[in-house]
Amino acid sequence: MASYTGKWLEVLSVENGSESHCIHIQLNLEQSMNLKWKLDSYTAYHIRALIGSVETAKYRLSLHSNWNALNNHPSGSLTKYDRGSSEKSIFPCSRQFAEELAALREIQDLSQIKRLSSFICTEDVSECHEQAANPKTVLERLSWKPAFPGRALRILAATFVVAAFFLIFVPDYPSTNQAVLAKVDTSVLEERTQQKGTSFTQQLAEARSEPVPAPAQEAVVVPAVVTESAAVPEVKLGGLVNFSLPKGSVALTFDDGPSKYTREIVDILEKHKVGGTFFFVGTQVRKFPEYVKYADDHGFSIGNHSMTHADFEDLTSDKRQLEIARTNQLLEAVTSEPVVLFRPPYGATDDALSQLVEKNGMKIVLWNKDSEDWKASSSQTIMNYTRHTELSGSILLLHESKQTVQALPQLIEYLQKQKLQFPNLR
């Protein structure tokens, strides 16, 4: 078994392009080498969300991936070292990334980097372009052949001697067809073996023949839940900052959950066959992850409402990023989908926050109608507002509260009589 002592990957930066993404890493293995690693967009997005200032902290990427049996999807881990303290974060990643990580883990000295030339290159950009012209899958790269025939013959002879030894002295050693010919992440395959009920050898054969998905197909796999809300319309927001919808629609949005009211709200929305968008706070997600899953399983949209519901006007850029990234991490651990919607607490936003949200690949969702249900003395107060407000084309701000739950069925029925649609926001 390979020894990994003294080997680590330090993340220097994440570079996003229009068509490709690149992570700058330093591979330390007795000596160090700066490299560029071409990533799929899904993995790059999650790593970037965890990286702060590399000038004040160091980030080390684990050489091991894990398999999430619940969501049938891999994850990686990143550890931040800052002023003597460390913080480990788990992030969802693509299967392609997990396989590439396994290939990197097998490297024993820096001269072997050329084995991984289809996704790893030196900091020389021209070399990256040259290597990109001849792509291979991870498993093909692991079948790299030496460039010098003489050396190849020596390796072949040594391999023959070792094979003969095992055939003679170890009768129960697996046959050539069963041998592990492709160095893949066996911990991942063992998990898949337990799930599928097939043999480990069959899993290896599948892995060797299975093509690596293209980045566009690397969306996380979520267990399918068929509900009546599947027919609910969706509105894909086009702007970076969104206040309203086209006439004829009203978006019901619920802030400050998950809470003990989340399940009731979901059940009411589903009963009336209307959409809804939930903006969850990270500290609440920690308390009630099962309610996040309940809303997600029933097809409703889920957005980020910060980690601690702090006023972003009072936060530095780094703290703003931390509020967003931590909440995304908690939500994605439950839903296994990237979070693309963000609602700043109190609606406090500025140009710097807009740029930060855009950098995280997200959109800001504000509102143009406020029910002020958080201070309503009863459900009737909310209904009085509804009856005296033009809600067509609105994003309506609601909160998870007892009064809102009581008013919601009547509110929906009143607006349905106006022939309004209730979309999920995406």
Protein backbone atom coordinates (compact mmCIF):
# COMPACT_ATOMS: atom_id res chain seq x y z
CA MET A 1 0.00 0.00 0.00
CA ALA A 2 1.26 3.47 -0.85
CA SER A 3 2.51 5.67 1.96
CA TYR A 4 1.16 9.22 2.07
CA THR A 5 3.36 10.53 4.87
CA GLY A 6 4.64 14.01 4.12
CA LYS A 7 2.35 14.53 1.12
CA TRP A 8 -0.19 17.31 1.06
CA LEU A 9 -2.00 19.68 -1.29
CA GLU A 10 -2.07 23.37 -0.48
CA VAL A 11 -4.69 25.46 -2.28
CA LEU A 12 -3.28 28.77 -3.53
CA SER A 13 -6.29 30.14 -5.43
CA VAL A 14 -9.31 29.22 -7.55
CA GLU A 15 -9.57 30.74 -11.01
CA ASN A 16 -12.92 30.84 -12.81
CA GLY A 17 -13.18 31.24 -16.55
CA SER A 18 -16.12 31.41 -18.93
CA GLU A 19 -15.66 27.80 -20.04
CA SER A 20 -13.24 26.22 -17.59
CA HIS A 21 -12.13 26.48 -13.99
CA CYS A 22 -8.66 26.04 -12.56
CA ILE A 23 -7.39 25.54 -9.02
CA HIS A 24 -3.82 26.57 -8.27
CA ILE A 25 -2.24 24.09 -5.87
CA GLN A 26 1.13 23.34 -4.37
CA LEU A 27 1.90 19.63 -4.23
CA ASN A 28 4.33 18.88 -1.41
CA LEU A 29 6.10 15.56 -1.67
CA GLU A 30 9.62 15.83 -0.18
CA GLN A 31 9.92 18.72 -2.63
CA SER A 32 7.14 21.07 -3.73
CA MET A 33 5.73 22.01 -7.13
CA ASN A 34 3.12 24.58 -8.11
CA LEU A 35 0.47 23.11 -10.40
CA LYS A 36 -2.77 23.97 -12.13
CA TRP A 37 -5.66 21.58 -11.75
CA LYS A 38 -8.54 21.88 -14.20
CA LEU A 39 -11.82 21.44 -12.33
CA ASP A 40 -15.42 20.92 -13.26
CA SER A 41 -17.62 23.93 -12.45
CA TYR A 42 -19.60 22.12 -9.71
CA THR A 43 -16.53 21.29 -7.61
CA ALA A 44 -14.84 24.65 -8.30
CA TYR A 45 -17.92 26.47 -7.03
CA HIS A 46 -17.88 24.67 -3.67
CA ILE A 47 -14.14 25.00 -3.11
CA ARG A 48 -14.22 28.69 -3.98
CA ALA A 49 -17.02 29.27 -1.45
CA LEU A 50 -14.72 28.03 1.34
CA ILE A 51 -11.57 29.91 0.36
CA GLY A 52 -10.98 33.27 2.05
CA SER A 53 -7.80 35.31 1.99
CA VAL A 54 -4.77 33.12 1.21
CA GLU A 55 -2.57 35.91 2.57
CA THR A 56 -3.70 35.36 6.15
CA ALA A 57 -4.55 31.65 6.14
CA LYS A 58 -3.49 28.40 4.51
CA TYR A 59 -5.87 25.86 2.99
CA ARG A 60 -4.99 22.20 2.64
CA LEU A 61 -7.04 19.85 0.52
CA SER A 62 -7.43 16.31 1.78
CA LEU A 63 -6.17 13.60 -0.57
CA HIS A 64 -9.14 11.42 0.35
CA SER A 65 -12.74 11.70 -0.75
CA ASN A 66 -15.76 10.19 0.97
CA TRP A 67 -18.93 8.72 -0.41
CA ASN A 68 -22.29 10.00 0.83
CA ALA A 69 -24.44 6.87 0.82
CA LEU A 70 -27.64 8.88 1.41
CA ASN A 71 -27.24 11.05 -1.69
CA ASN A 72 -25.09 8.64 -3.72
CA HIS A 73 -22.49 11.35 -4.25
CA PRO A 74 -18.85 12.03 -3.20
CA SER A 75 -17.51 14.81 -1.01
CA GLY A 76 -14.07 16.26 -0.31
CA SER A 77 -12.63 18.12 2.67
CA LEU A 78 -10.60 21.28 3.09
CA THR A 79 -8.80 22.41 6.26
CA LYS A 80 -8.11 26.06 7.01
CA TYR A 81 -5.04 26.88 9.13
CA ASP A 82 -5.03 30.38 10.61
CA ARG A 83 -3.01 31.74 13.54
CA GLY A 84 -2.49 28.37 15.16
CA SER A 85 -6.08 27.19 14.79
CA SER A 86 -7.60 24.87 12.20
CA GLU A 87 -11.09 24.39 10.81
CA LYS A 88 -12.14 21.48 8.61
CA SER A 89 -14.96 21.89 6.07
CA ILE A 90 -16.70 19.24 3.99
CA PHE A 91 -17.84 20.16 0.48
CA PRO A 92 -19.80 18.29 -2.22
CA CYS A 93 -17.77 17.41 -5.30
CA SER A 94 -18.18 15.64 -8.61
CA ARG A 95 -17.27 11.99 -9.17
CA GLN A 96 -14.71 13.20 -11.69
CA PHE A 97 -12.97 15.23 -8.97
CA ALA A 98 -12.99 12.23 -6.59
CA GLU A 99 -11.33 10.05 -9.24
CA GLU A 100 -8.73 12.72 -10.02
CA LEU A 101 -8.01 13.07 -6.29
CA ALA A 102 -7.48 9.30 -6.10
CA ALA A 103 -5.05 9.52 -9.01
CA LEU A 104 -3.11 12.32 -7.30
CA ARG A 105 -2.93 10.26 -4.13
CA GLU A 106 -1.05 7.51 -5.99
CA ILE A 107 1.76 9.84 -7.09
CA GLN A 108 4.96 8.92 -5.24
CA ASP A 109 7.33 11.53 -6.65
CA LEU A 110 7.00 14.71 -8.66
CA SER A 111 8.40 13.11 -11.82
CA GLN A 112 5.16 11.09 -12.11
CA ILE A 113 2.98 14.19 -12.58
CA LYS A 114 2.96 13.64 -16.35
CA ARG A 115 0.73 10.64 -15.75
CA LEU A 116 -2.04 13.11 -14.92
CA SER A 117 -1.44 15.48 -17.81
CA SER A 118 -5.08 15.66 -18.91
CA PHE A 119 -6.10 17.57 -15.77
CA ILE A 120 -2.82 18.61 -14.07
CA CYS A 121 -0.18 20.90 -15.54
CA THR A 122 2.56 23.22 -14.33
CA GLU A 123 1.98 26.94 -13.87
CA ASP A 124 3.00 27.42 -17.51
CA VAL A 125 -0.31 28.30 -19.18
CA SER A 126 0.88 27.26 -22.65
CA GLU A 127 1.58 23.78 -21.32
CA CYS A 128 -1.97 23.62 -19.96
CA HIS A 129 -3.37 24.40 -23.39
CA GLU A 130 -1.15 21.80 -25.03
CA GLN A 131 -2.27 19.13 -22.59
CA ALA A 132 -5.92 20.09 -22.95
CA ALA A 133 -5.74 19.27 -26.66
CA ASN A 134 -5.35 15.57 -25.84
CA PRO A 135 -7.86 14.76 -23.06
CA LYS A 136 -8.10 11.34 -21.42
CA THR A 137 -10.22 9.93 -18.67
CA VAL A 138 -8.71 9.50 -15.22
CA LEU A 139 -8.55 5.75 -15.55
CA GLU A 140 -6.80 6.00 -18.93
CA ARG A 141 -4.24 8.31 -17.39
CA LEU A 142 -3.49 5.74 -14.75
CA SER A 143 -2.58 3.33 -17.54
CA TRP A 144 0.27 5.67 -18.56
CA LYS A 145 3.08 4.03 -20.52
CA PRO A 146 6.78 4.90 -20.02
CA ALA A 147 8.30 7.01 -22.76
CA PHE A 148 11.46 4.90 -23.09
CA PRO A 149 11.20 1.33 -24.51
CA GLY A 150 14.18 0.07 -22.51
CA ARG A 151 12.66 1.13 -19.27
CA ALA A 152 9.34 -0.39 -20.29
CA LEU A 153 11.02 -3.77 -20.87
CA ARG A 154 12.67 -3.66 -17.44
CA ILE A 155 9.35 -2.88 -15.79
CA LEU A 156 7.64 -5.65 -17.74
CA ALA A 157 10.28 -8.18 -16.69
CA ALA A 158 9.99 -7.15 -13.03
CA THR A 159 6.21 -7.44 -13.21
CA PHE A 160 6.51 -10.96 -14.68
CA VAL A 161 8.79 -12.08 -11.82
CA VAL A 162 6.41 -10.73 -9.16
CA ALA A 163 3.39 -12.31 -10.89
CA ALA A 164 5.16 -15.69 -11.11
CA PHE A 165 5.95 -15.54 -7.39
CA PHE A 166 2.30 -15.05 -6.47
CA LEU A 167 1.06 -17.71 -8.85
CA ILE A 168 3.46 -20.29 -7.39
CA PHE A 169 3.45 -19.42 -3.68
CA VAL A 170 0.00 -17.87 -3.20
CA PRO A 171 -2.55 -20.25 -4.81
CA ASP A 172 -5.62 -18.23 -3.73
CA TYR A 173 -4.41 -14.96 -5.25
CA PRO A 174 -7.05 -13.57 -7.67
CA SER A 175 -6.68 -14.26 -11.36
CA THR A 176 -5.55 -11.61 -13.81
CA ASN A 177 -9.16 -10.82 -14.67
CA GLN A 178 -9.87 -10.09 -11.02
CA ALA A 179 -6.74 -8.11 -10.25
CA VAL A 180 -6.94 -4.43 -9.50
CA LEU A 181 -5.61 -2.98 -12.74
CA ALA A 182 -6.97 0.53 -12.33
CA LYS A 183 -5.95 2.53 -9.27
CA VAL A 184 -9.27 4.03 -8.25
CA ASP A 185 -10.49 5.24 -4.88
CA THR A 186 -11.37 1.87 -3.36
CA SER A 187 -13.11 3.40 -0.34
CA VAL A 188 -15.67 4.89 -2.71
CA LEU A 189 -16.17 1.60 -4.57
CA GLU A 190 -16.56 -0.34 -1.35
CA GLU A 191 -19.40 1.98 -0.36
CA ARG A 192 -21.02 1.49 -3.76
CA THR A 193 -20.61 -2.28 -3.40
CA GLN A 194 -22.59 -2.26 -0.18
CA GLN A 195 -25.36 -0.24 -1.79
CA LYS A 196 -25.65 -2.19 -5.04
CA GLY A 197 -25.05 -5.66 -3.63
CA THR A 198 -22.57 -6.49 -6.38
CA SER A 199 -19.05 -7.83 -5.92
CA PHE A 200 -16.09 -5.53 -5.46
CA THR A 201 -14.55 -6.91 -8.66
CA GLN A 202 -17.71 -6.08 -10.62
CA GLN A 203 -17.62 -2.55 -9.24
CA LEU A 204 -14.03 -2.13 -10.37
CA ALA A 205 -14.93 -3.36 -13.84
CA GLU A 206 -17.77 -0.84 -13.99
CA ALA A 207 -15.49 1.96 -12.85
CA ARG A 208 -12.89 1.17 -15.50
CA SER A 209 -15.41 1.16 -18.33
CA GLU A 210 -17.64 3.95 -17.06
CA PRO A 211 -16.97 7.30 -18.81
CA VAL A 212 -16.27 10.39 -16.74
CA PRO A 213 -19.29 12.73 -16.97
CA ALA A 214 -18.88 16.12 -18.63
CA PRO A 215 -19.07 19.14 -16.27
CA ALA A 216 -22.54 20.07 -17.50
CA GLN A 217 -23.80 16.66 -16.37
CA GLU A 218 -22.20 16.80 -12.96
CA ALA A 219 -25.29 18.00 -11.10
CA VAL A 220 -25.62 16.29 -7.76
CA VAL A 221 -27.86 13.22 -7.65
CA VAL A 222 -30.89 13.80 -5.40
CA PRO A 223 -33.28 11.01 -4.41
CA ALA A 224 -36.40 11.44 -6.55
CA VAL A 225 -39.53 12.48 -4.68
CA VAL A 226 -42.69 12.62 -6.80
CA THR A 227 -45.21 15.10 -5.37
CA GLU A 228 -48.17 17.02 -6.66
CA SER A 229 -46.06 20.18 -6.50
CA ALA A 230 -44.05 18.87 -9.47
CA ALA A 231 -46.54 20.70 -11.73
CA VAL A 232 -45.92 24.05 -10.01
CA PRO A 233 -44.42 26.64 -12.38
CA GLU A 234 -40.89 27.92 -11.89
CA VAL A 235 -39.36 31.31 -12.56
CA LYS A 236 -35.64 31.38 -13.25
CA LEU A 237 -34.45 34.77 -12.10
CA GLY A 238 -32.30 36.53 -14.68
CA GLY A 239 -30.95 39.51 -12.78
CA LEU A 240 -28.25 39.68 -10.14
CA VAL A 241 -30.61 41.61 -7.83
CA ASN A 242 -34.33 40.77 -8.06
CA PHE A 243 -37.28 42.66 -6.57
CA SER A 244 -40.30 41.58 -8.61
CA LEU A 245 -41.87 39.18 -11.11
CA PRO A 246 -43.86 39.61 -14.33
CA LYS A 247 -47.53 40.50 -13.90
CA GLY A 248 -49.78 37.53 -13.31
CA SER A 249 -47.47 35.89 -10.78
CA VAL A 250 -46.76 36.22 -7.08
CA ALA A 251 -43.87 34.53 -5.28
CA LEU A 252 -44.53 33.47 -1.70
CA THR A 253 -41.20 33.69 0.15
CA PHE A 254 -40.64 32.66 3.77
CA ASP A 255 -37.76 33.97 5.88
CA ASP A 256 -35.93 32.98 9.08
CA GLY A 257 -36.58 29.21 9.08
CA PRO A 258 -36.33 26.35 9.30
CA SER A 259 -38.61 26.28 12.33
CA LYS A 260 -41.40 24.28 13.91
CA TYR A 261 -43.71 25.91 11.34
CA THR A 262 -41.80 24.80 8.21
CA ARG A 263 -43.58 21.47 7.82
CA GLU A 264 -47.02 23.10 8.21
CA ILE A 265 -46.19 25.72 5.60
CA VAL A 266 -44.97 23.05 3.15
CA ASP A 267 -48.13 21.00 3.68
CA ILE A 268 -50.36 24.04 3.05
CA LEU A 269 -48.48 24.97 -0.14
CA GLU A 270 -48.68 21.41 -1.42
CA LYS A 271 -52.37 21.09 -0.58
CA HIS A 272 -53.13 24.20 -2.64
CA LYS A 273 -50.69 23.15 -5.39
CA VAL A 274 -48.71 26.39 -5.27
CA GLY A 275 -44.99 27.16 -5.15
CA GLY A 276 -42.94 28.70 -2.38
CA THR A 277 -39.36 29.73 -1.69
CA PHE A 278 -37.73 29.34 1.74
CA PHE A 279 -34.79 31.46 2.86
CA PHE A 280 -33.13 29.56 5.69
CA VAL A 281 -30.72 30.83 8.36
CA GLY A 282 -27.62 28.68 8.98
CA THR A 283 -28.00 28.46 12.77
CA GLN A 284 -31.56 27.23 12.29
CA VAL A 285 -30.46 24.71 9.67
CA ARG A 286 -28.16 23.19 12.30
CA LYS A 287 -31.14 22.80 14.65
CA PHE A 288 -33.71 21.54 12.16
CA PRO A 289 -32.02 19.88 9.16
CA GLU A 290 -34.98 17.50 8.85
CA TYR A 291 -37.28 20.44 7.99
CA VAL A 292 -34.87 21.59 5.28
CA LYS A 293 -35.03 18.11 3.80
CA TYR A 294 -38.82 18.08 4.07
CA ALA A 295 -39.13 21.32 2.05
CA ASP A 296 -36.57 20.12 -0.49
CA ASP A 297 -38.15 16.67 -0.87
CA HIS A 298 -41.47 18.32 -1.70
CA GLY A 299 -39.95 20.36 -4.51
CA PHE A 300 -39.82 23.83 -3.00
CA SER A 301 -36.97 26.26 -3.58
CA ILE A 302 -34.42 26.87 -0.85
CA GLY A 303 -32.25 29.95 -0.48
CA ASN A 304 -29.54 31.29 1.82
CA HIS A 305 -30.52 33.88 4.47
CA SER A 306 -27.04 34.14 6.07
CA MET A 307 -25.55 32.15 8.91
CA THR A 308 -26.50 34.31 11.91
CA HIS A 309 -28.99 36.84 10.48
CA ALA A 310 -26.44 39.60 11.01
CA ASP A 311 -26.79 43.03 9.43
CA PHE A 312 -24.39 42.86 6.47
CA GLU A 313 -23.84 46.63 6.62
CA ASP A 314 -21.85 46.01 9.81
CA LEU A 315 -19.71 43.16 8.44
CA THR A 316 -16.34 43.12 6.69
CA SER A 317 -16.01 41.47 3.30
CA ASP A 318 -14.44 38.35 4.83
CA LYS A 319 -17.24 38.01 7.40
CA ARG A 320 -19.85 38.45 4.70
CA GLN A 321 -18.25 35.66 2.69
CA LEU A 322 -18.16 33.43 5.77
CA GLU A 323 -21.86 34.05 6.48
CA ILE A 324 -22.75 33.01 2.93
CA ALA A 325 -20.33 30.09 2.57
CA ARG A 326 -21.14 28.40 5.87
CA THR A 327 -24.87 28.51 5.22
CA ASN A 328 -24.40 27.14 1.70
CA GLN A 329 -22.33 24.32 3.13
CA LEU A 330 -25.04 23.37 5.66
CA LEU A 331 -27.85 23.54 3.11
CA GLU A 332 -25.98 21.60 0.43
CA ALA A 333 -25.14 18.86 2.93
CA VAL A 334 -28.89 18.26 3.20
CA THR A 335 -30.13 18.97 -0.34
CA SER A 336 -27.00 18.02 -2.32
CA GLU A 337 -27.75 20.90 -4.68
CA PRO A 338 -25.87 24.18 -5.08
CA VAL A 339 -27.61 27.13 -3.45
CA VAL A 340 -28.16 29.91 -5.98
CA LEU A 341 -30.53 32.28 -4.14
CA PHE A 342 -29.45 34.67 -1.38
CA ARG A 343 -31.53 37.07 0.66
CA PRO A 344 -29.54 39.44 2.91
CA PRO A 345 -31.04 39.97 6.38
CA TYR A 346 -33.10 43.18 6.59
CA GLY A 347 -32.65 43.55 2.83
CA ALA A 348 -29.36 45.33 3.49
CA THR A 349 -27.30 45.31 0.31
CA ASP A 350 -24.71 47.40 -1.51
CA ASP A 351 -22.47 47.17 -4.56
CA ALA A 352 -19.77 45.25 -2.67
CA LEU A 353 -22.30 42.63 -1.52
CA SER A 354 -23.71 42.32 -5.04
CA GLN A 355 -20.21 41.64 -6.37
CA LEU A 356 -19.57 39.08 -3.62
CA VAL A 357 -22.83 37.25 -4.32
CA GLU A 358 -22.09 37.23 -8.05
CA LYS A 359 -18.62 35.87 -7.33
CA ASN A 360 -20.27 33.01 -5.45
CA GLY A 361 -22.44 32.21 -8.47
CA MET A 362 -25.63 33.33 -6.72
CA LYS A 363 -28.46 35.86 -7.13
CA ILE A 364 -29.93 38.30 -4.59
CA VAL A 365 -33.68 38.00 -3.99
CA LEU A 366 -35.30 40.98 -2.27
CA TRP A 367 -39.02 41.88 -2.35
CA ASN A 368 -41.41 44.58 -3.40
CA LYS A 369 -44.27 43.69 -1.05
CA ASP A 370 -43.86 43.26 2.72
CA SER A 371 -46.71 41.70 4.70
CA GLU A 372 -45.03 42.71 8.00
CA ASP A 373 -46.40 39.45 9.36
CA TRP A 374 -43.59 39.32 11.92
CA LYS A 375 -45.33 42.02 13.95
CA ALA A 376 -48.94 41.11 13.10
CA SER A 377 -51.13 40.57 16.14
CA SER A 378 -53.29 38.03 14.30
CA SER A 379 -53.82 36.32 10.96
CA GLN A 380 -56.55 38.86 10.21
CA THR A 381 -53.94 41.64 10.12
CA ILE A 382 -52.11 39.76 7.36
CA MET A 383 -55.31 39.25 5.40
CA ASN A 384 -56.20 42.94 5.67
CA TYR A 385 -52.85 43.74 4.06
CA THR A 386 -53.46 41.14 1.33
CA ARG A 387 -56.89 42.51 0.41
CA HIS A 388 -55.66 46.11 0.16
CA THR A 389 -52.47 45.43 -1.84
CA GLU A 390 -51.91 44.72 -5.52
CA LEU A 391 -49.81 41.55 -5.41
CA SER A 392 -49.67 40.69 -9.12
CA GLY A 393 -46.01 40.78 -10.17
CA SER A 394 -44.73 40.76 -6.61
CA ILE A 395 -42.22 38.93 -4.48
CA LEU A 396 -44.10 38.80 -1.18
CA LEU A 397 -42.12 38.76 2.06
CA LEU A 398 -43.48 36.40 4.73
CA HIS A 399 -41.98 34.79 7.82
CA GLU A 400 -42.31 31.44 9.53
CA SER A 401 -44.70 32.29 12.36
CA LYS A 402 -47.97 31.13 13.91
CA GLN A 403 -49.90 34.07 12.42
CA THR A 404 -48.57 33.33 8.93
CA VAL A 405 -49.51 29.65 9.14
CA GLN A 406 -53.03 30.61 10.19
CA ALA A 407 -53.41 33.20 7.39
CA LEU A 408 -51.74 31.25 4.59
CA PRO A 409 -54.65 29.05 3.36
CA GLN A 410 -57.00 32.03 3.17
CA LEU A 411 -54.31 34.21 1.56
CA ILE A 412 -53.64 31.63 -1.17
CA GLU A 413 -57.33 31.07 -1.91
CA TYR A 414 -57.92 34.84 -2.16
CA LEU A 415 -55.08 35.27 -4.66
CA GLN A 416 -56.06 32.15 -6.62
CA LYS A 417 -59.43 33.78 -7.31
CA GLN A 418 -57.43 36.52 -9.06
CA LYS A 419 -55.99 33.83 -11.38
CA LEU A 420 -52.44 34.46 -10.15
CA GLN A 421 -49.67 31.86 -10.51
CA PHE A 422 -47.44 30.94 -7.57
CA PRO A 423 -44.01 29.88 -8.92
CA ASN A 424 -40.96 28.49 -7.23
CA LEU A 425 -38.00 30.83 -7.68
CA ARG A 426 -34.81 29.37 -9.17
